[in-house]
Amino acid sequence: QLHLVESGGGLVQPGGSLKLTCTASEVTSHRFYIAWFRQAPGKEREGVSCITSGTIVTNYADSVKGRFTISRDVQKDTVYLEMNSLKPEDTAVYYCARLRRTYGPCSLRADNYDSWGQGTQVTVSS
């Protein structure tokens, strides 16, 4: 089980920005595909973005395309989610998770992921 820790959440006004960080516990974590999910109260968990390892390929939910950017720092075993032009509907707990496989395209389906972090709250409100 990979241990993942999210940080960087907080309260921001509409139109503002936040950068979330997901740090992994293993030195081999750079091999893993990582995704960001979010869950708002009363709603299902939603895939936001994912990133492969090696030759980097990324994927985004339509709701965040052009506003969010996922990236990773192999040296720091860290994956980032930079969020710009935030909207109130982006308010949720954000989680990072590891994809079970390390080949092919990454997925935004939660049932394809095993290890999950504890989440970080993002609130977009004036």
N, C-alpha and C. Protein backbone atom coordinates (compact mmCIF):
# COMPACT_ATOMS: atom_id res chain seq x y z
N GLN A 1 0.85 -1.19 0.00
CA GLN A 1 0.00 0.00 0.00
C GLN A 1 0.88 1.24 0.00
N LEU A 2 0.73 2.07 -1.01
CA LEU A 2 1.50 3.30 -1.10
C LEU A 2 0.86 4.36 -0.22
N HIS A 3 1.68 5.05 0.57
CA HIS A 3 1.17 6.12 1.43
C HIS A 3 1.26 7.44 0.70
N LEU A 4 0.11 8.10 0.53
CA LEU A 4 0.05 9.37 -0.18
C LEU A 4 -0.46 10.46 0.76
N VAL A 5 0.10 11.63 0.67
CA VAL A 5 -0.30 12.75 1.53
C VAL A 5 -0.55 13.98 0.66
N GLU A 6 -1.77 14.53 0.76
CA GLU A 6 -2.11 15.74 0.03
C GLU A 6 -1.93 16.96 0.93
N SER A 7 -1.63 18.09 0.30
CA SER A 7 -1.55 19.35 1.02
C SER A 7 -1.82 20.49 0.04
N GLY A 8 -2.02 21.68 0.58
CA GLY A 8 -2.17 22.86 -0.26
C GLY A 8 -3.58 23.38 -0.40
N GLY A 9 -4.55 22.69 0.19
CA GLY A 9 -5.92 23.17 0.11
C GLY A 9 -6.12 24.42 0.95
N GLY A 10 -7.31 25.00 0.81
CA GLY A 10 -7.62 26.19 1.58
C GLY A 10 -8.83 26.90 1.04
N LEU A 11 -9.02 28.12 1.54
CA LEU A 11 -10.13 28.97 1.11
C LEU A 11 -9.61 29.99 0.12
N VAL A 12 -10.28 30.12 -1.01
CA VAL A 12 -9.86 31.05 -2.05
C VAL A 12 -11.11 31.68 -2.67
N GLN A 13 -10.97 32.90 -3.13
CA GLN A 13 -12.07 33.58 -3.78
C GLN A 13 -12.26 33.09 -5.22
N PRO A 14 -13.45 33.20 -5.74
CA PRO A 14 -13.66 32.84 -7.15
C PRO A 14 -12.68 33.59 -8.05
N GLY A 15 -12.13 32.87 -9.01
CA GLY A 15 -11.13 33.44 -9.90
C GLY A 15 -9.71 33.28 -9.38
N GLY A 16 -9.57 32.83 -8.16
CA GLY A 16 -8.25 32.66 -7.56
C GLY A 16 -7.58 31.36 -7.95
N SER A 17 -6.42 31.11 -7.33
CA SER A 17 -5.61 29.94 -7.66
C SER A 17 -5.14 29.23 -6.40
N LEU A 18 -4.93 27.93 -6.55
CA LEU A 18 -4.31 27.12 -5.50
C LEU A 18 -3.45 26.07 -6.19
N LYS A 19 -2.44 25.59 -5.47
CA LYS A 19 -1.61 24.50 -5.98
C LYS A 19 -1.59 23.40 -4.94
N LEU A 20 -2.12 22.26 -5.31
CA LEU A 20 -2.15 21.10 -4.43
C LEU A 20 -0.91 20.24 -4.65
N THR A 21 -0.48 19.58 -3.58
CA THR A 21 0.68 18.72 -3.63
C THR A 21 0.32 17.34 -3.12
N CYS A 22 0.78 16.31 -3.81
CA CYS A 22 0.60 14.92 -3.41
C CYS A 22 1.99 14.30 -3.30
N THR A 23 2.35 13.91 -2.10
CA THR A 23 3.67 13.34 -1.85
C THR A 23 3.54 11.86 -1.54
N ALA A 24 4.39 11.05 -2.18
CA ALA A 24 4.35 9.60 -1.99
C ALA A 24 5.46 9.13 -1.07
N SER A 25 5.24 7.97 -0.46
CA SER A 25 6.14 7.49 0.57
C SER A 25 7.29 6.66 0.06
N GLU A 26 7.19 6.11 -1.15
CA GLU A 26 8.19 5.17 -1.64
C GLU A 26 9.14 5.83 -2.63
N VAL A 27 10.39 5.39 -2.60
CA VAL A 27 11.37 5.94 -3.53
C VAL A 27 11.10 5.51 -4.95
N THR A 28 10.30 4.44 -5.14
CA THR A 28 9.97 3.99 -6.48
C THR A 28 8.66 4.57 -6.98
N SER A 29 8.11 5.53 -6.27
CA SER A 29 6.78 6.05 -6.61
C SER A 29 6.76 6.75 -7.96
N HIS A 30 7.93 7.13 -8.50
CA HIS A 30 7.95 7.79 -9.79
C HIS A 30 7.46 6.86 -10.90
N ARG A 31 7.37 5.56 -10.61
CA ARG A 31 6.88 4.60 -11.62
C ARG A 31 5.36 4.61 -11.73
N PHE A 32 4.71 5.14 -10.73
CA PHE A 32 3.25 5.00 -10.65
C PHE A 32 2.53 6.11 -11.40
N TYR A 33 1.35 5.74 -11.90
CA TYR A 33 0.43 6.73 -12.44
C TYR A 33 -0.36 7.28 -11.26
N ILE A 34 -0.55 8.58 -11.23
CA ILE A 34 -1.25 9.24 -10.13
C ILE A 34 -2.40 10.09 -10.68
N ALA A 35 -3.47 10.14 -9.95
CA ALA A 35 -4.61 10.97 -10.34
C ALA A 35 -5.09 11.81 -9.17
N TRP A 36 -5.75 12.88 -9.50
CA TRP A 36 -6.46 13.69 -8.53
C TRP A 36 -7.96 13.47 -8.72
N PHE A 37 -8.64 13.26 -7.60
CA PHE A 37 -10.09 13.15 -7.57
C PHE A 37 -10.63 14.22 -6.63
N ARG A 38 -11.91 14.46 -6.69
CA ARG A 38 -12.54 15.37 -5.75
C ARG A 38 -13.94 14.87 -5.41
N GLN A 39 -14.38 15.23 -4.23
CA GLN A 39 -15.71 14.83 -3.80
C GLN A 39 -16.34 15.98 -3.02
N ALA A 40 -17.44 16.46 -3.55
CA ALA A 40 -18.21 17.51 -2.88
C ALA A 40 -19.29 16.86 -2.03
N PRO A 41 -19.78 17.54 -1.01
CA PRO A 41 -20.82 16.96 -0.15
C PRO A 41 -22.04 16.53 -0.96
N GLY A 42 -22.47 15.29 -0.73
CA GLY A 42 -23.65 14.78 -1.41
C GLY A 42 -23.44 14.36 -2.84
N LYS A 43 -22.19 14.41 -3.31
CA LYS A 43 -21.90 14.04 -4.70
C LYS A 43 -20.92 12.87 -4.75
N GLU A 44 -20.89 12.20 -5.89
CA GLU A 44 -19.95 11.09 -6.08
C GLU A 44 -18.54 11.63 -6.30
N ARG A 45 -17.57 10.76 -6.01
CA ARG A 45 -16.18 11.14 -6.25
C ARG A 45 -15.96 11.29 -7.76
N GLU A 46 -15.29 12.36 -8.14
CA GLU A 46 -15.10 12.71 -9.55
C GLU A 46 -13.62 12.75 -9.89
N GLY A 47 -13.25 12.10 -10.99
CA GLY A 47 -11.88 12.18 -11.47
C GLY A 47 -11.61 13.54 -12.07
N VAL A 48 -10.52 14.17 -11.65
CA VAL A 48 -10.17 15.52 -12.09
C VAL A 48 -9.07 15.49 -13.14
N SER A 49 -7.99 14.80 -12.82
CA SER A 49 -6.85 14.76 -13.73
C SER A 49 -5.95 13.59 -13.36
N CYS A 50 -5.21 13.07 -14.34
CA CYS A 50 -4.27 12.00 -14.06
C CYS A 50 -3.01 12.20 -14.89
N ILE A 51 -1.93 11.55 -14.44
CA ILE A 51 -0.64 11.70 -15.10
C ILE A 51 0.07 10.36 -15.11
N THR A 52 0.68 10.03 -16.26
CA THR A 52 1.42 8.78 -16.36
C THR A 52 2.83 8.96 -15.83
N SER A 53 3.60 7.88 -15.84
CA SER A 53 5.02 7.94 -15.51
C SER A 53 5.82 7.82 -16.79
N GLY A 54 7.16 7.93 -16.73
CA GLY A 54 7.98 7.81 -17.92
C GLY A 54 7.69 8.95 -18.90
N THR A 55 7.28 8.57 -20.10
CA THR A 55 6.85 9.58 -21.08
C THR A 55 5.49 10.11 -20.61
N ILE A 56 5.52 11.37 -20.17
CA ILE A 56 4.34 11.90 -19.47
C ILE A 56 3.18 12.15 -20.42
N VAL A 57 2.02 11.60 -20.05
CA VAL A 57 0.77 11.88 -20.72
C VAL A 57 -0.23 12.26 -19.63
N THR A 58 -1.01 13.28 -19.87
CA THR A 58 -1.98 13.73 -18.89
C THR A 58 -3.40 13.65 -19.45
N ASN A 59 -4.35 13.66 -18.53
CA ASN A 59 -5.76 13.61 -18.91
C ASN A 59 -6.52 14.50 -17.93
N TYR A 60 -7.57 15.16 -18.42
CA TYR A 60 -8.34 16.06 -17.60
C TYR A 60 -9.83 15.86 -17.79
N ALA A 61 -10.57 16.07 -16.73
CA ALA A 61 -12.03 16.12 -16.86
C ALA A 61 -12.40 17.38 -17.64
N ASP A 62 -13.49 17.30 -18.39
CA ASP A 62 -13.91 18.46 -19.19
C ASP A 62 -14.14 19.68 -18.31
N SER A 63 -14.58 19.46 -17.10
CA SER A 63 -14.94 20.57 -16.21
C SER A 63 -13.73 21.41 -15.77
N VAL A 64 -12.52 20.85 -15.93
CA VAL A 64 -11.33 21.58 -15.47
C VAL A 64 -10.33 21.86 -16.58
N LYS A 65 -10.59 21.39 -17.79
CA LYS A 65 -9.66 21.61 -18.91
C LYS A 65 -9.43 23.10 -19.13
N GLY A 66 -8.17 23.46 -19.30
CA GLY A 66 -7.82 24.85 -19.53
C GLY A 66 -7.65 25.65 -18.25
N ARG A 67 -8.05 25.07 -17.11
CA ARG A 67 -7.92 25.78 -15.83
C ARG A 67 -6.95 25.08 -14.88
N PHE A 68 -6.92 23.75 -14.93
CA PHE A 68 -6.07 22.96 -14.04
C PHE A 68 -4.91 22.36 -14.82
N THR A 69 -3.78 22.22 -14.14
CA THR A 69 -2.61 21.59 -14.74
C THR A 69 -2.00 20.61 -13.76
N ILE A 70 -1.82 19.36 -14.20
CA ILE A 70 -1.18 18.34 -13.37
C ILE A 70 0.27 18.20 -13.83
N SER A 71 1.15 17.98 -12.87
CA SER A 71 2.56 17.80 -13.19
C SER A 71 3.19 16.95 -12.09
N ARG A 72 4.43 16.49 -12.35
CA ARG A 72 5.10 15.70 -11.32
C ARG A 72 6.57 16.04 -11.29
N ASP A 73 7.14 15.90 -10.10
CA ASP A 73 8.58 16.09 -9.88
C ASP A 73 9.11 14.74 -9.43
N VAL A 74 9.80 14.06 -10.34
CA VAL A 74 10.30 12.71 -10.04
C VAL A 74 11.28 12.73 -8.88
N GLN A 75 12.13 13.73 -8.83
CA GLN A 75 13.14 13.81 -7.77
C GLN A 75 12.51 13.92 -6.39
N LYS A 76 11.36 14.57 -6.32
CA LYS A 76 10.71 14.79 -5.03
C LYS A 76 9.56 13.81 -4.77
N ASP A 77 9.34 12.85 -5.68
CA ASP A 77 8.23 11.90 -5.51
C ASP A 77 6.92 12.64 -5.26
N THR A 78 6.70 13.68 -6.04
CA THR A 78 5.56 14.57 -5.81
C THR A 78 4.79 14.82 -7.09
N VAL A 79 3.48 14.89 -6.95
CA VAL A 79 2.60 15.26 -8.06
C VAL A 79 1.84 16.51 -7.64
N TYR A 80 1.70 17.44 -8.56
CA TYR A 80 1.05 18.70 -8.28
C TYR A 80 -0.24 18.85 -9.08
N LEU A 81 -1.15 19.63 -8.54
CA LEU A 81 -2.33 20.05 -9.29
C LEU A 81 -2.46 21.56 -9.13
N GLU A 82 -2.13 22.27 -10.19
CA GLU A 82 -2.25 23.72 -10.17
C GLU A 82 -3.63 24.09 -10.68
N MET A 83 -4.35 24.83 -9.85
CA MET A 83 -5.74 25.15 -10.16
C MET A 83 -5.89 26.66 -10.29
N ASN A 84 -6.31 27.10 -11.46
CA ASN A 84 -6.51 28.51 -11.74
C ASN A 84 -7.97 28.79 -12.08
N SER A 85 -8.33 30.05 -12.05
CA SER A 85 -9.71 30.47 -12.38
C SER A 85 -10.72 29.62 -11.63
N LEU A 86 -10.50 29.48 -10.34
CA LEU A 86 -11.35 28.61 -9.54
C LEU A 86 -12.77 29.14 -9.45
N LYS A 87 -13.71 28.19 -9.42
CA LYS A 87 -15.13 28.50 -9.36
C LYS A 87 -15.72 27.90 -8.09
N PRO A 88 -16.84 28.42 -7.62
CA PRO A 88 -17.47 27.82 -6.42
C PRO A 88 -17.75 26.33 -6.60
N GLU A 89 -18.06 25.90 -7.81
CA GLU A 89 -18.33 24.49 -8.04
C GLU A 89 -17.09 23.60 -7.96
N ASP A 90 -15.92 24.20 -7.83
CA ASP A 90 -14.70 23.43 -7.61
C ASP A 90 -14.53 23.07 -6.13
N THR A 91 -15.39 23.59 -5.28
CA THR A 91 -15.31 23.30 -3.85
C THR A 91 -15.53 21.81 -3.60
N ALA A 92 -14.58 21.19 -2.91
CA ALA A 92 -14.62 19.75 -2.66
C ALA A 92 -13.41 19.36 -1.82
N VAL A 93 -13.43 18.12 -1.34
CA VAL A 93 -12.22 17.52 -0.80
C VAL A 93 -11.48 16.88 -1.98
N TYR A 94 -10.21 17.20 -2.11
CA TYR A 94 -9.40 16.70 -3.21
C TYR A 94 -8.49 15.59 -2.71
N TYR A 95 -8.46 14.49 -3.45
CA TYR A 95 -7.66 13.32 -3.09
C TYR A 95 -6.70 12.97 -4.22
N CYS A 96 -5.54 12.46 -3.87
CA CYS A 96 -4.70 11.85 -4.89
C CYS A 96 -4.71 10.34 -4.66
N ALA A 97 -4.47 9.61 -5.74
CA ALA A 97 -4.55 8.16 -5.68
C ALA A 97 -3.62 7.54 -6.71
N ARG A 98 -3.27 6.29 -6.49
CA ARG A 98 -2.38 5.56 -7.38
C ARG A 98 -3.17 4.59 -8.25
N LEU A 99 -2.88 4.61 -9.57
CA LEU A 99 -3.50 3.66 -10.49
C LEU A 99 -2.88 2.28 -10.29
N ARG A 100 -3.66 1.25 -10.39
CA ARG A 100 -3.18 -0.11 -10.15
C ARG A 100 -2.14 -0.56 -11.18
N ARG A 101 -2.18 -0.04 -12.37
CA ARG A 101 -1.24 -0.47 -13.42
C ARG A 101 -0.28 0.67 -13.76
N THR A 102 0.79 0.32 -14.46
CA THR A 102 1.79 1.32 -14.88
C THR A 102 2.05 1.24 -16.37
N TYR A 103 0.99 1.01 -17.15
CA TYR A 103 1.10 0.97 -18.60
C TYR A 103 -0.20 1.50 -19.19
N GLY A 104 -0.14 1.90 -20.47
CA GLY A 104 -1.34 2.37 -21.12
C GLY A 104 -1.73 3.77 -20.66
N PRO A 105 -2.90 4.24 -21.09
CA PRO A 105 -3.33 5.56 -20.69
C PRO A 105 -3.78 5.57 -19.23
N CYS A 106 -3.73 6.76 -18.61
CA CYS A 106 -4.24 6.84 -17.25
C CYS A 106 -5.76 6.97 -17.29
N SER A 107 -6.37 6.76 -16.16
CA SER A 107 -7.82 6.67 -16.09
C SER A 107 -8.36 7.68 -15.08
N LEU A 108 -9.59 8.11 -15.27
CA LEU A 108 -10.24 8.98 -14.30
C LEU A 108 -11.38 8.24 -13.58
N ARG A 109 -11.33 6.91 -13.61
CA ARG A 109 -12.32 6.11 -12.89
C ARG A 109 -11.77 5.73 -11.54
N ALA A 110 -12.49 6.04 -10.50
CA ALA A 110 -11.99 5.81 -9.15
C ALA A 110 -11.76 4.33 -8.85
N ASP A 111 -12.53 3.45 -9.46
CA ASP A 111 -12.38 2.02 -9.15
C ASP A 111 -11.12 1.42 -9.75
N ASN A 112 -10.37 2.19 -10.54
CA ASN A 112 -9.09 1.72 -11.07
C ASN A 112 -7.91 2.05 -10.15
N TYR A 113 -8.20 2.70 -9.02
CA TYR A 113 -7.14 3.18 -8.14
C TYR A 113 -7.19 2.45 -6.81
N ASP A 114 -5.98 2.24 -6.22
CA ASP A 114 -5.98 1.56 -4.94
C ASP A 114 -5.57 2.51 -3.81
N SER A 115 -4.33 2.87 -3.69
CA SER A 115 -3.89 3.71 -2.57
C SER A 115 -4.44 5.13 -2.71
N TRP A 116 -4.98 5.64 -1.60
CA TRP A 116 -5.58 6.98 -1.57
C TRP A 116 -4.99 7.78 -0.42
N GLY A 117 -4.89 9.09 -0.62
CA GLY A 117 -4.51 9.97 0.47
C GLY A 117 -5.72 10.31 1.32
N GLN A 118 -5.51 11.14 2.33
CA GLN A 118 -6.57 11.48 3.27
C GLN A 118 -7.41 12.66 2.79
N GLY A 119 -6.95 13.36 1.78
CA GLY A 119 -7.70 14.47 1.20
C GLY A 119 -7.33 15.82 1.77
N THR A 120 -7.56 16.85 0.97
CA THR A 120 -7.34 18.23 1.41
C THR A 120 -8.54 19.06 0.92
N GLN A 121 -9.06 19.89 1.81
CA GLN A 121 -10.27 20.65 1.50
C GLN A 121 -9.93 21.89 0.66
N VAL A 122 -10.69 22.07 -0.41
CA VAL A 122 -10.61 23.28 -1.23
C VAL A 122 -11.98 23.93 -1.21
N THR A 123 -12.01 25.18 -0.77
CA THR A 123 -13.26 25.93 -0.71
C THR A 123 -13.11 27.20 -1.53
N VAL A 124 -14.01 27.38 -2.49
CA VAL A 124 -13.99 28.56 -3.35
C VAL A 124 -15.24 29.38 -3.02
N SER A 125 -15.02 30.50 -2.39
CA SER A 125 -16.14 31.30 -1.92
C SER A 125 -15.71 32.73 -1.71
N SER A 126 -16.65 33.65 -1.93
CA SER A 126 -16.36 35.05 -1.67
C SER A 126 -16.81 35.43 -0.27
